[in-house]
Amino acid sequence: QVQLVDSGGGLVQPGGSLRLSCAASGSISGRPSMGWYRQAPGKERELVAMITSGGSTNYADSVTGRFTISRDNAKNTIYLQMNSLKPGDTAVYYCSLKYMIGTTLYEYWGQGTQVTVSS
């Protein structure tokens, strides 16, 4: 079993910054990819940023250049530095961890942390 604890959300003004963190613990197998998703009211959950165990990253077009995902493998922790925040970034942000055993995909989620960008 894997547990993810994500944190760091809050209320911030447009143009401000926040840093989210996600700490993973438990029986993690293989070399997991970890990332951040977000879900705004009435919308589908979308991928924000993903980082593999090797350090490769992917970002949604809407956040490229503003958000940076990073990892600390020794701590099984990832971070999302969010700069130049916009009202459209308002959502619940969820941490995700994924790994493969054979051909089976295992995926775990954090509880979510609210990010609100408003004047």
Protein backbone atom coordinates (compact mmCIF):
# COMPACT_ATOMS: atom_id res chain seq x y z
CA GLN A 1 0.00 0.00 0.00
CA VAL A 2 1.18 3.49 -0.90
CA GLN A 3 0.16 6.70 0.82
CA LEU A 4 0.49 10.16 -0.69
CA VAL A 5 0.19 13.38 1.28
CA ASP A 6 -0.06 16.55 -0.77
CA SER A 7 0.03 20.01 0.71
CA GLY A 8 0.90 23.64 0.09
CA GLY A 9 -2.29 25.00 -1.41
CA GLY A 10 -3.92 28.20 -0.36
CA LEU A 11 -5.29 31.55 -1.45
CA VAL A 12 -3.01 33.74 -3.54
CA GLN A 13 -3.45 36.88 -5.63
CA PRO A 14 -3.01 36.81 -9.41
CA GLY A 15 0.66 36.94 -10.27
CA GLY A 16 1.63 35.31 -7.00
CA SER A 17 3.36 32.03 -6.29
CA LEU A 18 2.75 28.82 -4.39
CA ARG A 19 4.80 25.68 -3.88
CA LEU A 20 3.02 22.35 -3.56
CA SER A 21 4.64 19.26 -2.11
CA CYS A 22 3.75 15.58 -2.14
CA ALA A 23 5.39 12.96 0.05
CA ALA A 24 5.00 9.28 -0.78
CA SER A 25 5.40 6.42 1.66
CA GLY A 26 4.69 2.70 1.86
CA SER A 27 5.57 -0.26 -0.32
CA ILE A 28 6.57 1.54 -3.48
CA SER A 29 7.81 -0.80 -6.21
CA GLY A 30 9.92 -0.17 -9.24
CA ARG A 31 10.75 3.30 -10.45
CA PRO A 32 7.57 5.33 -10.15
CA SER A 33 6.51 8.34 -12.12
CA MET A 34 4.91 11.08 -10.06
CA GLY A 35 2.96 14.12 -11.05
CA TRP A 36 0.29 16.66 -10.42
CA TYR A 37 -3.26 16.78 -11.73
CA ARG A 38 -5.91 19.39 -11.10
CA GLN A 39 -9.67 19.53 -11.25
CA ALA A 40 -11.77 22.66 -11.36
CA PRO A 41 -15.52 22.61 -10.66
CA GLY A 42 -17.45 21.13 -13.58
CA LYS A 43 -14.31 20.10 -15.45
CA GLU A 44 -12.41 16.88 -16.02
CA ARG A 45 -9.28 16.19 -14.06
CA GLU A 46 -6.30 17.21 -16.17
CA LEU A 47 -2.60 16.52 -16.08
CA VAL A 48 -0.58 19.53 -14.99
CA ALA A 49 2.94 18.13 -14.80
CA MET A 50 4.62 14.73 -14.65
CA ILE A 51 8.14 13.62 -13.80
CA THR A 52 9.62 10.17 -14.30
CA SER A 53 12.13 8.45 -12.06
CA GLY A 54 14.77 9.43 -14.60
CA GLY A 55 13.84 13.09 -14.41
CA SER A 56 11.97 13.55 -17.68
CA THR A 57 9.17 16.08 -17.37
CA ASN A 58 5.97 16.95 -19.19
CA TYR A 59 3.74 19.98 -18.70
CA ALA A 60 0.32 21.03 -19.81
CA ASP A 61 0.50 23.80 -22.39
CA SER A 62 -1.41 26.11 -20.08
CA VAL A 63 1.30 26.01 -17.40
CA THR A 64 4.48 25.70 -19.44
CA GLY A 65 6.93 28.42 -18.47
CA ARG A 66 5.12 29.19 -15.22
CA PHE A 67 5.16 25.89 -13.31
CA THR A 68 8.13 23.68 -12.51
CA ILE A 69 7.97 20.13 -11.22
CA SER A 70 10.91 18.68 -9.33
CA ARG A 71 11.71 15.57 -7.34
CA ASP A 72 13.75 14.33 -4.42
CA ASN A 73 14.03 10.58 -4.92
CA ALA A 74 15.72 10.03 -1.56
CA LYS A 75 12.62 11.43 0.13
CA ASN A 76 10.08 10.11 -2.39
CA THR A 77 8.84 13.65 -2.63
CA ILE A 78 7.87 15.89 -5.52
CA TYR A 79 7.21 19.59 -5.67
CA LEU A 80 5.32 21.93 -7.94
CA GLN A 81 6.56 25.50 -8.00
CA MET A 82 3.77 27.65 -9.39
CA ASN A 83 4.63 31.18 -10.46
CA SER A 84 2.64 33.90 -12.22
CA LEU A 85 -0.58 32.32 -11.05
CA LYS A 86 -3.80 33.13 -12.86
CA PRO A 87 -7.44 32.81 -11.80
CA GLY A 88 -7.73 29.95 -14.30
CA ASP A 89 -5.28 27.96 -12.19
CA THR A 90 -7.88 27.73 -9.43
CA ALA A 91 -8.55 24.04 -8.79
CA VAL A 92 -7.99 21.18 -6.43
CA TYR A 93 -4.51 19.82 -7.12
CA TYR A 94 -3.87 16.11 -6.69
CA CYS A 95 -0.58 14.28 -6.44
CA SER A 96 -0.28 11.01 -8.36
CA LEU A 97 2.19 8.13 -8.25
CA LYS A 98 2.32 5.43 -10.91
CA TYR A 99 4.41 2.34 -11.42
CA MET A 100 4.36 -0.90 -13.38
CA ILE A 101 4.65 -4.47 -12.17
CA GLY A 102 4.89 -6.55 -15.30
CA THR A 103 2.10 -5.23 -17.49
CA THR A 104 -0.06 -4.06 -14.58
CA LEU A 105 -0.28 -0.34 -13.84
CA TYR A 106 -0.68 0.78 -10.24
CA GLU A 107 -1.81 4.32 -9.52
CA TYR A 108 -2.24 6.16 -6.22
CA TRP A 109 -3.61 9.59 -5.39
CA GLY A 110 -3.21 12.17 -2.70
CA GLN A 111 -6.19 13.72 -0.97
CA GLY A 112 -5.95 16.98 -2.89
CA THR A 113 -5.02 20.51 -1.92
CA GLN A 114 -7.04 23.57 -2.88
CA VAL A 115 -5.40 26.36 -4.86
CA THR A 116 -7.42 29.54 -5.22
CA VAL A 117 -6.14 32.48 -7.26
CA SER A 118 -8.24 35.56 -6.66
CA SER A 119 -8.00 39.27 -5.99
